Amino acid sequence: MITVETTEGKPACILFGQPVRGSLQAAWFTDVEVEAARKAKNAKTLACISPVPLELEEAIKGLARGRVEGTQVTLAKAAPDVYAKLLAAAAAQKKNEGAQAAAAETSSKETQAAALSTEGQVTAASGPNVSSVTAVGDSWSHLKVGDLVLACYGGPADGWWGARILKIEGDAFTLAWVDETEALARRPRAQLALVHPKML
């Protein structure tokens, strides 16, 4: 058994997920551990935040140091509020990656970009499958397909999870959980929570 550990180092990567349903788990790894952690067999089912943004500095204090043992990573239990921050940070990184890709594509198609409206440019810069829900006024009434929200997985004891809106029928929302590729859920508008725009 090979254990990757160092006595010093700052968080360079955070792995988190729900290996067992109802169990929120997360841990951080240093820069020398990142490669081994990402290559671990069970890491394929986990979400990854790398590099670790400054806004997660407080959240990291509530996370355990991860371990890589052989071909497995070991995480620890994470508090629901900390887990929610990790979900939002992961969504923000995807948004930034989408924005960079959109900017590169726009620069290579200058004639096409000149014809875009201001609204079209904002949509392109935001990247695919990411929207920015503003927390001004009654934002719940402005939710739309593609928005990122928080919803209870089962009951309140199961905690709040990041989910993407797939379909809206009146006040009924069909959701896809951020860390699951197949499971869907249906929740009423009153049971959804907004993600702060700074965390998107």
N, C-alpha and C. Protein backbone atom coordinates (compact mmCIF):
# COMPACT_ATOMS: atom_id res chain seq x y z
N MET A 1 0.85 -1.19 0.00
CA MET A 1 0.00 0.00 0.00
C MET A 1 0.88 1.24 0.00
N ILE A 2 0.62 2.15 -0.94
CA ILE A 2 1.40 3.39 -1.03
C ILE A 2 0.52 4.53 -0.54
N THR A 3 0.99 5.25 0.44
CA THR A 3 0.24 6.38 0.97
C THR A 3 0.96 7.66 0.60
N VAL A 4 0.21 8.58 -0.04
CA VAL A 4 0.79 9.86 -0.44
C VAL A 4 0.47 10.88 0.64
N GLU A 5 1.47 11.34 1.36
CA GLU A 5 1.26 12.31 2.41
C GLU A 5 2.44 13.27 2.47
N THR A 6 2.16 14.51 2.86
CA THR A 6 3.23 15.47 3.10
C THR A 6 2.92 16.17 4.40
N THR A 7 3.93 16.68 5.04
CA THR A 7 3.71 17.36 6.31
C THR A 7 3.35 18.81 6.10
N GLU A 8 3.63 19.35 4.92
CA GLU A 8 3.32 20.74 4.63
C GLU A 8 2.59 20.82 3.30
N GLY A 9 2.07 22.02 3.03
CA GLY A 9 1.41 22.23 1.75
C GLY A 9 0.06 22.88 1.92
N LYS A 10 -0.32 23.62 0.88
CA LYS A 10 -1.61 24.28 0.88
C LYS A 10 -2.58 23.51 -0.02
N PRO A 11 -3.88 23.66 0.23
CA PRO A 11 -4.87 22.98 -0.60
C PRO A 11 -4.76 23.41 -2.06
N ALA A 12 -4.55 22.46 -2.94
CA ALA A 12 -4.47 22.74 -4.37
C ALA A 12 -5.64 22.11 -5.12
N CYS A 13 -6.34 21.21 -4.43
CA CYS A 13 -7.44 20.48 -5.06
C CYS A 13 -8.40 20.02 -3.97
N ILE A 14 -9.70 20.08 -4.27
CA ILE A 14 -10.72 19.56 -3.36
C ILE A 14 -11.55 18.53 -4.12
N LEU A 15 -11.67 17.35 -3.57
CA LEU A 15 -12.54 16.33 -4.13
C LEU A 15 -13.74 16.19 -3.21
N PHE A 16 -14.94 16.10 -3.80
CA PHE A 16 -16.12 15.94 -2.97
C PHE A 16 -17.20 15.18 -3.73
N GLY A 17 -18.12 14.61 -2.98
CA GLY A 17 -19.20 13.86 -3.60
C GLY A 17 -20.00 13.11 -2.57
N GLN A 18 -20.78 12.15 -3.06
CA GLN A 18 -21.65 11.36 -2.21
C GLN A 18 -21.44 9.89 -2.53
N PRO A 19 -20.29 9.32 -2.09
CA PRO A 19 -20.01 7.91 -2.36
C PRO A 19 -21.13 7.00 -1.90
N VAL A 20 -21.73 7.35 -0.77
CA VAL A 20 -22.88 6.61 -0.25
C VAL A 20 -24.02 7.61 -0.13
N ARG A 21 -25.19 7.29 -0.70
CA ARG A 21 -26.30 8.24 -0.70
C ARG A 21 -26.61 8.73 0.71
N GLY A 22 -26.71 10.05 0.85
CA GLY A 22 -27.00 10.64 2.14
C GLY A 22 -25.76 11.00 2.92
N SER A 23 -24.58 10.62 2.41
CA SER A 23 -23.32 10.90 3.09
C SER A 23 -22.53 11.94 2.30
N LEU A 24 -22.43 13.15 2.84
CA LEU A 24 -21.69 14.22 2.17
C LEU A 24 -20.23 14.10 2.56
N GLN A 25 -19.35 13.96 1.58
CA GLN A 25 -17.93 13.78 1.87
C GLN A 25 -17.08 14.72 1.04
N ALA A 26 -15.97 15.14 1.61
CA ALA A 26 -15.04 16.03 0.90
C ALA A 26 -13.68 15.99 1.60
N ALA A 27 -12.65 16.42 0.88
CA ALA A 27 -11.31 16.53 1.45
C ALA A 27 -10.44 17.32 0.50
N TRP A 28 -9.36 17.88 1.04
CA TRP A 28 -8.45 18.65 0.19
C TRP A 28 -7.09 17.94 0.08
N PHE A 29 -6.39 18.27 -1.02
CA PHE A 29 -5.10 17.65 -1.32
C PHE A 29 -4.12 18.75 -1.73
N THR A 30 -2.83 18.53 -1.46
CA THR A 30 -1.80 19.50 -1.83
C THR A 30 -1.42 19.32 -3.29
N ASP A 31 -0.59 20.25 -3.79
CA ASP A 31 -0.20 20.19 -5.19
C ASP A 31 0.57 18.92 -5.55
N VAL A 32 1.32 18.36 -4.60
CA VAL A 32 2.07 17.13 -4.89
C VAL A 32 1.16 15.90 -4.85
N GLU A 33 -0.04 16.05 -4.31
CA GLU A 33 -0.96 14.92 -4.22
C GLU A 33 -2.04 14.93 -5.30
N VAL A 34 -2.19 16.08 -5.97
CA VAL A 34 -3.29 16.24 -6.92
C VAL A 34 -3.31 15.16 -7.99
N GLU A 35 -2.20 14.92 -8.64
CA GLU A 35 -2.16 13.94 -9.74
C GLU A 35 -2.57 12.55 -9.27
N ALA A 36 -2.02 12.12 -8.14
CA ALA A 36 -2.36 10.79 -7.61
C ALA A 36 -3.82 10.73 -7.21
N ALA A 37 -4.33 11.82 -6.62
CA ALA A 37 -5.72 11.85 -6.17
C ALA A 37 -6.67 11.75 -7.36
N ARG A 38 -6.38 12.48 -8.42
CA ARG A 38 -7.26 12.48 -9.59
C ARG A 38 -7.24 11.14 -10.32
N LYS A 39 -6.12 10.42 -10.22
CA LYS A 39 -6.00 9.13 -10.91
C LYS A 39 -6.60 7.98 -10.11
N ALA A 40 -6.97 8.25 -8.87
CA ALA A 40 -7.55 7.19 -8.04
C ALA A 40 -8.85 6.68 -8.66
N LYS A 41 -9.08 5.39 -8.53
CA LYS A 41 -10.26 4.77 -9.16
C LYS A 41 -11.56 5.39 -8.69
N ASN A 42 -11.70 5.60 -7.38
CA ASN A 42 -12.97 6.13 -6.89
C ASN A 42 -13.10 7.64 -7.09
N ALA A 43 -12.02 8.31 -7.54
CA ALA A 43 -12.09 9.75 -7.80
C ALA A 43 -12.92 10.05 -9.04
N LYS A 44 -13.11 9.05 -9.91
CA LYS A 44 -13.88 9.26 -11.14
C LYS A 44 -15.33 9.61 -10.86
N THR A 45 -15.82 9.25 -9.69
CA THR A 45 -17.21 9.55 -9.34
C THR A 45 -17.34 10.81 -8.48
N LEU A 46 -16.22 11.49 -8.26
CA LEU A 46 -16.21 12.68 -7.40
C LEU A 46 -16.06 13.95 -8.21
N ALA A 47 -16.56 15.05 -7.66
CA ALA A 47 -16.38 16.36 -8.29
C ALA A 47 -15.04 16.92 -7.82
N CYS A 48 -14.44 17.76 -8.66
CA CYS A 48 -13.11 18.30 -8.35
C CYS A 48 -13.10 19.82 -8.50
N ILE A 49 -12.47 20.48 -7.53
CA ILE A 49 -12.25 21.93 -7.61
C ILE A 49 -10.74 22.15 -7.61
N SER A 50 -10.22 22.65 -8.71
CA SER A 50 -8.79 22.91 -8.83
C SER A 50 -8.56 23.93 -9.94
N PRO A 51 -7.87 25.03 -9.64
CA PRO A 51 -7.27 25.37 -8.35
C PRO A 51 -8.35 25.76 -7.34
N VAL A 52 -7.97 25.83 -6.07
CA VAL A 52 -8.92 26.18 -5.01
C VAL A 52 -9.03 27.70 -4.92
N PRO A 53 -10.23 28.27 -5.13
CA PRO A 53 -10.40 29.73 -5.09
C PRO A 53 -10.28 30.29 -3.68
N LEU A 54 -9.91 31.57 -3.58
CA LEU A 54 -9.72 32.22 -2.29
C LEU A 54 -10.99 32.25 -1.47
N GLU A 55 -12.15 32.34 -2.13
CA GLU A 55 -13.40 32.43 -1.38
C GLU A 55 -13.73 31.16 -0.60
N LEU A 56 -13.00 30.09 -0.86
CA LEU A 56 -13.23 28.85 -0.11
C LEU A 56 -12.29 28.71 1.08
N GLU A 57 -11.52 29.76 1.36
CA GLU A 57 -10.53 29.69 2.44
C GLU A 57 -11.18 29.31 3.78
N GLU A 58 -12.33 29.92 4.09
CA GLU A 58 -13.01 29.61 5.35
C GLU A 58 -13.60 28.21 5.32
N ALA A 59 -14.17 27.83 4.17
CA ALA A 59 -14.79 26.51 4.05
C ALA A 59 -13.76 25.40 4.23
N ILE A 60 -12.54 25.63 3.74
CA ILE A 60 -11.48 24.62 3.83
C ILE A 60 -11.15 24.29 5.28
N LYS A 61 -11.33 25.27 6.17
CA LYS A 61 -11.02 25.04 7.58
C LYS A 61 -11.92 23.94 8.17
N GLY A 62 -13.08 23.74 7.52
CA GLY A 62 -13.99 22.70 7.99
C GLY A 62 -13.83 21.38 7.27
N LEU A 63 -12.82 21.30 6.38
CA LEU A 63 -12.59 20.07 5.62
C LEU A 63 -11.38 19.30 6.15
N ALA A 64 -11.43 18.01 5.98
CA ALA A 64 -10.31 17.17 6.39
C ALA A 64 -9.26 17.10 5.28
N ARG A 65 -8.05 16.74 5.66
CA ARG A 65 -6.97 16.50 4.70
C ARG A 65 -7.20 15.13 4.08
N GLY A 66 -7.24 15.06 2.77
CA GLY A 66 -7.49 13.79 2.10
C GLY A 66 -6.26 12.90 2.07
N ARG A 67 -6.47 11.63 1.79
CA ARG A 67 -5.37 10.67 1.68
C ARG A 67 -5.54 9.86 0.41
N VAL A 68 -4.41 9.50 -0.17
CA VAL A 68 -4.40 8.61 -1.33
C VAL A 68 -3.72 7.33 -0.87
N GLU A 69 -4.49 6.26 -0.87
CA GLU A 69 -3.96 4.98 -0.43
C GLU A 69 -4.11 3.97 -1.55
N GLY A 70 -3.00 3.60 -2.15
CA GLY A 70 -3.05 2.70 -3.29
C GLY A 70 -3.77 3.36 -4.47
N THR A 71 -4.90 2.80 -4.86
CA THR A 71 -5.66 3.36 -5.98
C THR A 71 -6.97 4.00 -5.51
N GLN A 72 -7.03 4.33 -4.22
CA GLN A 72 -8.25 4.91 -3.66
C GLN A 72 -7.93 6.22 -2.92
N VAL A 73 -8.90 7.15 -2.95
CA VAL A 73 -8.78 8.35 -2.14
C VAL A 73 -9.73 8.21 -0.96
N THR A 74 -9.32 8.76 0.17
CA THR A 74 -10.14 8.71 1.37
C THR A 74 -10.59 10.12 1.71
N LEU A 75 -11.91 10.31 1.80
CA LEU A 75 -12.48 11.61 2.16
C LEU A 75 -13.07 11.53 3.57
N ALA A 76 -13.63 12.63 4.04
CA ALA A 76 -14.25 12.66 5.36
C ALA A 76 -15.60 13.35 5.25
N LYS A 77 -16.41 13.22 6.28
CA LYS A 77 -17.74 13.82 6.30
C LYS A 77 -17.64 15.34 6.20
N ALA A 78 -18.52 15.94 5.40
CA ALA A 78 -18.54 17.39 5.23
C ALA A 78 -19.88 17.94 5.69
N ALA A 79 -19.86 19.10 6.34
CA ALA A 79 -21.09 19.74 6.79
C ALA A 79 -21.91 20.19 5.58
N PRO A 80 -23.24 20.15 5.67
CA PRO A 80 -24.10 20.54 4.54
C PRO A 80 -23.82 21.94 4.00
N ASP A 81 -23.57 22.93 4.91
CA ASP A 81 -23.33 24.29 4.43
C ASP A 81 -22.00 24.39 3.69
N VAL A 82 -21.00 23.67 4.16
CA VAL A 82 -19.70 23.65 3.47
C VAL A 82 -19.84 22.95 2.12
N TYR A 83 -20.59 21.86 2.08
CA TYR A 83 -20.79 21.11 0.84
C TYR A 83 -21.48 21.98 -0.20
N ALA A 84 -22.46 22.78 0.24
CA ALA A 84 -23.16 23.67 -0.67
C ALA A 84 -22.21 24.70 -1.29
N LYS A 85 -21.25 25.18 -0.50
CA LYS A 85 -20.26 26.13 -1.02
C LYS A 85 -19.36 25.46 -2.05
N LEU A 86 -19.05 24.19 -1.84
CA LEU A 86 -18.22 23.46 -2.80
C LEU A 86 -18.96 23.29 -4.12
N LEU A 87 -20.26 22.98 -4.04
CA LEU A 87 -21.06 22.84 -5.26
C LEU A 87 -21.07 24.14 -6.05
N ALA A 88 -21.29 25.25 -5.34
CA ALA A 88 -21.34 26.55 -6.01
C ALA A 88 -19.99 26.91 -6.61
N ALA A 89 -18.90 26.61 -5.90
CA ALA A 89 -17.56 26.92 -6.42
C ALA A 89 -17.25 26.10 -7.66
N ALA A 90 -17.67 24.83 -7.67
CA ALA A 90 -17.45 23.97 -8.84
C ALA A 90 -18.21 24.52 -10.04
N ALA A 91 -19.44 24.99 -9.81
CA ALA A 91 -20.24 25.57 -10.90
C ALA A 91 -19.58 26.84 -11.42
N ALA A 92 -18.99 27.63 -10.51
CA ALA A 92 -18.32 28.87 -10.91
C ALA A 92 -17.12 28.58 -11.79
N GLN A 93 -16.36 27.52 -11.45
CA GLN A 93 -15.20 27.17 -12.28
C GLN A 93 -15.63 26.75 -13.68
N LYS A 94 -16.75 25.99 -13.75
CA LYS A 94 -17.25 25.58 -15.06
C LYS A 94 -17.67 26.80 -15.87
N LYS A 95 -18.27 27.78 -15.18
CA LYS A 95 -18.70 29.00 -15.85
C LYS A 95 -17.49 29.75 -16.42
N ASN A 96 -16.42 29.86 -15.61
CA ASN A 96 -15.22 30.56 -16.08
C ASN A 96 -14.58 29.85 -17.26
N GLU A 97 -14.55 28.52 -17.21
CA GLU A 97 -13.98 27.75 -18.32
C GLU A 97 -14.81 27.97 -19.58
N GLY A 98 -16.14 28.01 -19.41
CA GLY A 98 -17.01 28.25 -20.55
C GLY A 98 -16.81 29.64 -21.12
N ALA A 99 -16.60 30.62 -20.23
CA ALA A 99 -16.39 32.00 -20.67
C ALA A 99 -15.10 32.12 -21.48
N GLN A 100 -14.04 31.44 -21.03
CA GLN A 100 -12.76 31.49 -21.74
C GLN A 100 -12.88 30.85 -23.12
N ALA A 101 -13.60 29.71 -23.18
CA ALA A 101 -13.78 29.03 -24.46
C ALA A 101 -14.60 29.90 -25.41
N ALA A 102 -15.63 30.56 -24.86
CA ALA A 102 -16.47 31.41 -25.68
C ALA A 102 -15.69 32.62 -26.20
N ALA A 103 -14.81 33.18 -25.35
CA ALA A 103 -14.01 34.33 -25.75
C ALA A 103 -13.07 33.96 -26.88
N ALA A 104 -12.46 32.78 -26.79
CA ALA A 104 -11.53 32.33 -27.84
C ALA A 104 -12.27 32.13 -29.16
N GLU A 105 -13.46 31.56 -29.07
CA GLU A 105 -14.25 31.32 -30.28
C GLU A 105 -14.69 32.64 -30.90
N THR A 106 -15.06 33.60 -30.05
CA THR A 106 -15.52 34.90 -30.54
C THR A 106 -14.40 35.65 -31.26
N SER A 107 -13.18 35.58 -30.68
CA SER A 107 -12.05 36.29 -31.29
C SER A 107 -11.69 35.72 -32.66
N SER A 108 -11.98 34.45 -32.90
CA SER A 108 -11.65 33.84 -34.18
C SER A 108 -12.75 34.06 -35.22
N LYS A 109 -13.87 34.62 -34.77
CA LYS A 109 -14.98 34.89 -35.68
C LYS A 109 -15.43 36.34 -35.49
N GLU A 110 -14.52 37.27 -35.80
CA GLU A 110 -14.78 38.69 -35.56
C GLU A 110 -15.98 39.21 -36.33
N THR A 111 -16.15 38.82 -37.55
CA THR A 111 -17.27 39.33 -38.33
C THR A 111 -18.60 38.87 -37.75
N GLN A 112 -18.61 37.65 -37.24
CA GLN A 112 -19.83 37.11 -36.64
C GLN A 112 -20.11 37.77 -35.31
N ALA A 113 -19.04 38.03 -34.53
CA ALA A 113 -19.19 38.65 -33.22
C ALA A 113 -19.73 40.07 -33.33
N ALA A 114 -19.37 40.78 -34.42
CA ALA A 114 -19.82 42.15 -34.60
C ALA A 114 -21.33 42.24 -34.75
N ALA A 115 -21.94 41.16 -35.23
CA ALA A 115 -23.38 41.17 -35.46
C ALA A 115 -24.18 40.76 -34.23
N LEU A 116 -23.50 40.31 -33.18
CA LEU A 116 -24.20 39.86 -31.98
C LEU A 116 -24.74 41.04 -31.19
N SER A 117 -25.89 40.89 -30.60
CA SER A 117 -26.44 41.91 -29.71
C SER A 117 -25.76 41.81 -28.37
N THR A 118 -25.94 42.83 -27.54
CA THR A 118 -25.34 42.81 -26.20
C THR A 118 -25.83 41.61 -25.42
N GLU A 119 -27.09 41.30 -25.56
CA GLU A 119 -27.65 40.14 -24.84
C GLU A 119 -27.02 38.86 -25.34
N GLY A 120 -26.78 38.76 -26.65
CA GLY A 120 -26.17 37.57 -27.22
C GLY A 120 -24.75 37.38 -26.73
N GLN A 121 -24.02 38.50 -26.58
CA GLN A 121 -22.64 38.42 -26.11
C GLN A 121 -22.59 37.92 -24.67
N VAL A 122 -23.52 38.40 -23.85
CA VAL A 122 -23.55 37.96 -22.45
C VAL A 122 -23.84 36.48 -22.38
N THR A 123 -24.77 36.01 -23.21
CA THR A 123 -25.12 34.59 -23.22
C THR A 123 -23.92 33.75 -23.65
N ALA A 124 -23.19 34.20 -24.67
CA ALA A 124 -22.04 33.44 -25.16
C ALA A 124 -20.94 33.41 -24.13
N ALA A 125 -20.73 34.55 -23.43
CA ALA A 125 -19.65 34.61 -22.46
C ALA A 125 -19.92 33.78 -21.22
N SER A 126 -21.20 33.53 -20.95
CA SER A 126 -21.53 32.78 -19.74
C SER A 126 -21.26 31.30 -19.87
N GLY A 127 -21.07 30.83 -21.13
CA GLY A 127 -20.75 29.42 -21.32
C GLY A 127 -21.99 28.55 -21.32
N PRO A 128 -21.89 27.31 -21.78
CA PRO A 128 -23.03 26.41 -21.87
C PRO A 128 -23.51 25.92 -20.51
N ASN A 129 -24.83 25.73 -20.39
CA ASN A 129 -25.46 25.14 -19.20
C ASN A 129 -25.22 25.91 -17.91
N VAL A 130 -24.88 27.21 -18.02
CA VAL A 130 -24.67 28.00 -16.82
C VAL A 130 -25.45 29.29 -16.94
N SER A 131 -26.19 29.66 -15.90
CA SER A 131 -26.90 30.92 -15.91
C SER A 131 -26.56 31.68 -14.65
N SER A 132 -26.82 32.98 -14.66
CA SER A 132 -26.53 33.78 -13.48
C SER A 132 -27.84 34.27 -12.89
N VAL A 133 -28.25 33.65 -11.80
CA VAL A 133 -29.47 34.04 -11.12
C VAL A 133 -29.12 35.16 -10.16
N THR A 134 -29.73 36.33 -10.31
CA THR A 134 -29.44 37.44 -9.42
C THR A 134 -30.34 37.37 -8.21
N ALA A 135 -29.78 37.73 -7.06
CA ALA A 135 -30.54 37.68 -5.81
C ALA A 135 -31.17 39.03 -5.53
N VAL A 136 -31.85 39.61 -6.51
CA VAL A 136 -32.51 40.90 -6.36
C VAL A 136 -34.00 40.71 -6.53
N GLY A 137 -34.80 41.20 -5.57
CA GLY A 137 -36.24 41.08 -5.67
C GLY A 137 -36.70 39.63 -5.55
N ASP A 138 -37.81 39.31 -6.22
CA ASP A 138 -38.36 37.96 -6.17
C ASP A 138 -37.71 37.11 -7.25
N SER A 139 -36.48 36.65 -7.00
CA SER A 139 -35.74 35.89 -8.00
C SER A 139 -36.35 34.52 -8.25
N TRP A 140 -37.14 34.01 -7.29
CA TRP A 140 -37.75 32.70 -7.47
C TRP A 140 -38.70 32.71 -8.67
N SER A 141 -39.33 33.86 -8.93
CA SER A 141 -40.28 33.94 -10.05
C SER A 141 -39.56 34.06 -11.39
N HIS A 142 -38.22 34.31 -11.35
CA HIS A 142 -37.46 34.46 -12.59
C HIS A 142 -36.61 33.24 -12.91
N LEU A 143 -36.77 32.16 -12.16
CA LEU A 143 -36.00 30.94 -12.44
C LEU A 143 -36.36 30.41 -13.82
N LYS A 144 -35.35 29.88 -14.52
CA LYS A 144 -35.57 29.35 -15.86
C LYS A 144 -34.75 28.08 -16.07
N VAL A 145 -35.03 27.40 -17.16
CA VAL A 145 -34.31 26.17 -17.48
C VAL A 145 -32.81 26.46 -17.60
N GLY A 146 -32.01 25.64 -16.94
CA GLY A 146 -30.56 25.82 -16.97
C GLY A 146 -30.00 26.46 -15.72
N ASP A 147 -30.87 27.11 -14.91
CA ASP A 147 -30.41 27.77 -13.69
C ASP A 147 -29.93 26.75 -12.66
N LEU A 148 -28.94 27.16 -11.86
CA LEU A 148 -28.44 26.33 -10.77
C LEU A 148 -29.14 26.74 -9.49
N VAL A 149 -29.71 25.78 -8.77
CA VAL A 149 -30.41 26.05 -7.52
C VAL A 149 -29.97 25.01 -6.47
N LEU A 150 -30.46 25.17 -5.25
CA LEU A 150 -30.25 24.18 -4.20
C LEU A 150 -31.60 23.59 -3.83
N ALA A 151 -31.63 22.28 -3.59
CA ALA A 151 -32.88 21.61 -3.21
C ALA A 151 -32.57 20.48 -2.26
N CYS A 152 -33.54 20.14 -1.40
CA CYS A 152 -33.36 19.01 -0.48
C CYS A 152 -33.36 17.73 -1.30
N TYR A 153 -32.39 16.86 -1.00
CA TYR A 153 -32.31 15.60 -1.74
C TYR A 153 -33.52 14.72 -1.44
N GLY A 154 -33.82 14.59 -0.17
CA GLY A 154 -35.01 13.83 0.24
C GLY A 154 -35.80 14.71 1.18
N GLY A 155 -35.49 14.58 2.50
CA GLY A 155 -36.08 15.46 3.49
C GLY A 155 -35.02 16.42 3.99
N PRO A 156 -35.39 17.33 4.89
CA PRO A 156 -34.44 18.32 5.42
C PRO A 156 -33.19 17.68 6.03
N ALA A 157 -33.34 16.48 6.58
CA ALA A 157 -32.19 15.82 7.21
C ALA A 157 -31.15 15.39 6.19
N ASP A 158 -31.54 15.29 4.90
CA ASP A 158 -30.60 14.86 3.86
C ASP A 158 -29.73 16.00 3.35
N GLY A 159 -30.04 17.24 3.77
CA GLY A 159 -29.24 18.38 3.34
C GLY A 159 -29.66 18.93 1.99
N TRP A 160 -29.06 20.06 1.64
CA TRP A 160 -29.36 20.75 0.38
C TRP A 160 -28.28 20.42 -0.65
N TRP A 161 -28.71 20.20 -1.89
CA TRP A 161 -27.80 19.77 -2.96
C TRP A 161 -27.95 20.68 -4.17
N GLY A 162 -26.85 20.85 -4.90
CA GLY A 162 -26.89 21.63 -6.12
C GLY A 162 -27.62 20.86 -7.21
N ALA A 163 -28.49 21.56 -7.93
CA ALA A 163 -29.26 20.93 -9.00
C ALA A 163 -29.47 21.91 -10.14
N ARG A 164 -29.57 21.39 -11.36
CA ARG A 164 -29.80 22.20 -12.55
C ARG A 164 -31.26 22.01 -12.99
N ILE A 165 -31.94 23.11 -13.30
CA ILE A 165 -33.34 23.04 -13.73
C ILE A 165 -33.42 22.53 -15.17
N LEU A 166 -34.14 21.41 -15.35
CA LEU A 166 -34.30 20.82 -16.68
C LEU A 166 -35.65 21.18 -17.32
N LYS A 167 -36.69 21.33 -16.48
CA LYS A 167 -38.03 21.57 -17.01
C LYS A 167 -38.86 22.31 -15.97
N ILE A 168 -39.71 23.23 -16.43
CA ILE A 168 -40.59 23.98 -15.54
C ILE A 168 -42.03 23.83 -16.02
N GLU A 169 -42.90 23.36 -15.15
CA GLU A 169 -44.31 23.23 -15.44
C GLU A 169 -45.09 23.92 -14.33
N GLY A 170 -45.44 25.20 -14.56
CA GLY A 170 -46.10 25.97 -13.52
C GLY A 170 -45.15 26.20 -12.36
N ASP A 171 -45.48 25.67 -11.18
CA ASP A 171 -44.61 25.78 -10.01
C ASP A 171 -43.88 24.47 -9.73
N ALA A 172 -43.89 23.54 -10.67
CA ALA A 172 -43.21 22.26 -10.51
C ALA A 172 -41.93 22.27 -11.36
N PHE A 173 -40.82 21.90 -10.73
CA PHE A 173 -39.52 21.94 -11.39
C PHE A 173 -38.91 20.53 -11.47
N THR A 174 -38.47 20.16 -12.66
CA THR A 174 -37.73 18.91 -12.82
C THR A 174 -36.26 19.25 -12.75
N LEU A 175 -35.52 18.58 -11.84
CA LEU A 175 -34.13 18.92 -11.56
C LEU A 175 -33.19 17.76 -11.84
N ALA A 176 -31.96 18.10 -12.21
CA ALA A 176 -30.89 17.11 -12.36
C ALA A 176 -29.82 17.46 -11.33
N TRP A 177 -29.49 16.52 -10.46
CA TRP A 177 -28.49 16.78 -9.43
C TRP A 177 -27.12 17.00 -10.06
N VAL A 178 -26.37 17.97 -9.56
CA VAL A 178 -25.08 18.34 -10.13
C VAL A 178 -24.08 17.19 -10.12
N ASP A 179 -24.08 16.40 -9.04
CA ASP A 179 -23.08 15.34 -8.93
C ASP A 179 -23.59 13.97 -9.35
N GLU A 180 -24.73 13.93 -10.03
CA GLU A 180 -25.25 12.67 -10.55
C GLU A 180 -25.66 12.88 -12.00
N THR A 181 -25.43 11.89 -12.82
CA THR A 181 -25.69 12.03 -14.25
C THR A 181 -27.06 11.52 -14.67
N GLU A 182 -27.69 10.68 -13.86
CA GLU A 182 -28.95 10.08 -14.27
C GLU A 182 -30.13 10.43 -13.37
N ALA A 183 -29.92 10.55 -12.06
CA ALA A 183 -31.02 10.78 -11.14
C ALA A 183 -31.67 12.14 -11.35
N LEU A 184 -32.99 12.15 -11.40
CA LEU A 184 -33.76 13.39 -11.54
C LEU A 184 -34.66 13.55 -10.33
N ALA A 185 -35.13 14.77 -10.10
CA ALA A 185 -36.04 15.03 -8.99
C ALA A 185 -37.08 16.05 -9.44
N ARG A 186 -38.20 16.06 -8.76
CA ARG A 186 -39.27 17.02 -9.05
C ARG A 186 -39.60 17.75 -7.75
N ARG A 187 -39.45 19.08 -7.74
CA ARG A 187 -39.69 19.87 -6.55
C ARG A 187 -40.54 21.10 -6.88
N PRO A 188 -41.38 21.55 -5.93
CA PRO A 188 -42.14 22.78 -6.13
C PRO A 188 -41.24 23.99 -5.95
N ARG A 189 -41.62 25.12 -6.49
CA ARG A 189 -40.82 26.34 -6.42
C ARG A 189 -40.49 26.71 -4.96
N ALA A 190 -41.44 26.50 -4.05
CA ALA A 190 -41.26 26.87 -2.64
C ALA A 190 -40.17 26.06 -1.95
N GLN A 191 -39.75 24.94 -2.56
CA GLN A 191 -38.73 24.09 -1.94
C GLN A 191 -37.36 24.25 -2.61
N LEU A 192 -37.17 25.36 -3.33
CA LEU A 192 -35.89 25.63 -3.98
C LEU A 192 -35.20 26.79 -3.29
N ALA A 193 -33.88 26.77 -3.25
CA ALA A 193 -33.09 27.86 -2.68
C ALA A 193 -32.17 28.41 -3.76
N LEU A 194 -31.94 29.72 -3.72
CA LEU A 194 -31.09 30.35 -4.72
C LEU A 194 -29.62 30.28 -4.32
N VAL A 195 -28.76 30.24 -5.32
CA VAL A 195 -27.31 30.26 -5.09
C VAL A 195 -26.87 31.71 -5.29
N HIS A 196 -26.10 32.23 -4.34
CA HIS A 196 -25.66 33.62 -4.45
C HIS A 196 -24.88 33.81 -5.75
N PRO A 197 -25.14 34.91 -6.48
CA PRO A 197 -24.47 35.13 -7.78
C PRO A 197 -22.95 35.13 -7.71
N LYS A 198 -22.35 35.52 -6.56
CA LYS A 198 -20.90 35.50 -6.44
C LYS A 198 -20.34 34.10 -6.40
N MET A 199 -21.20 33.11 -6.10
CA MET A 199 -20.75 31.72 -6.03
C MET A 199 -21.03 30.97 -7.32
N LEU A 200 -21.62 31.64 -8.33
CA LEU A 200 -21.91 30.97 -9.60
C LEU A 200 -20.70 30.97 -10.49
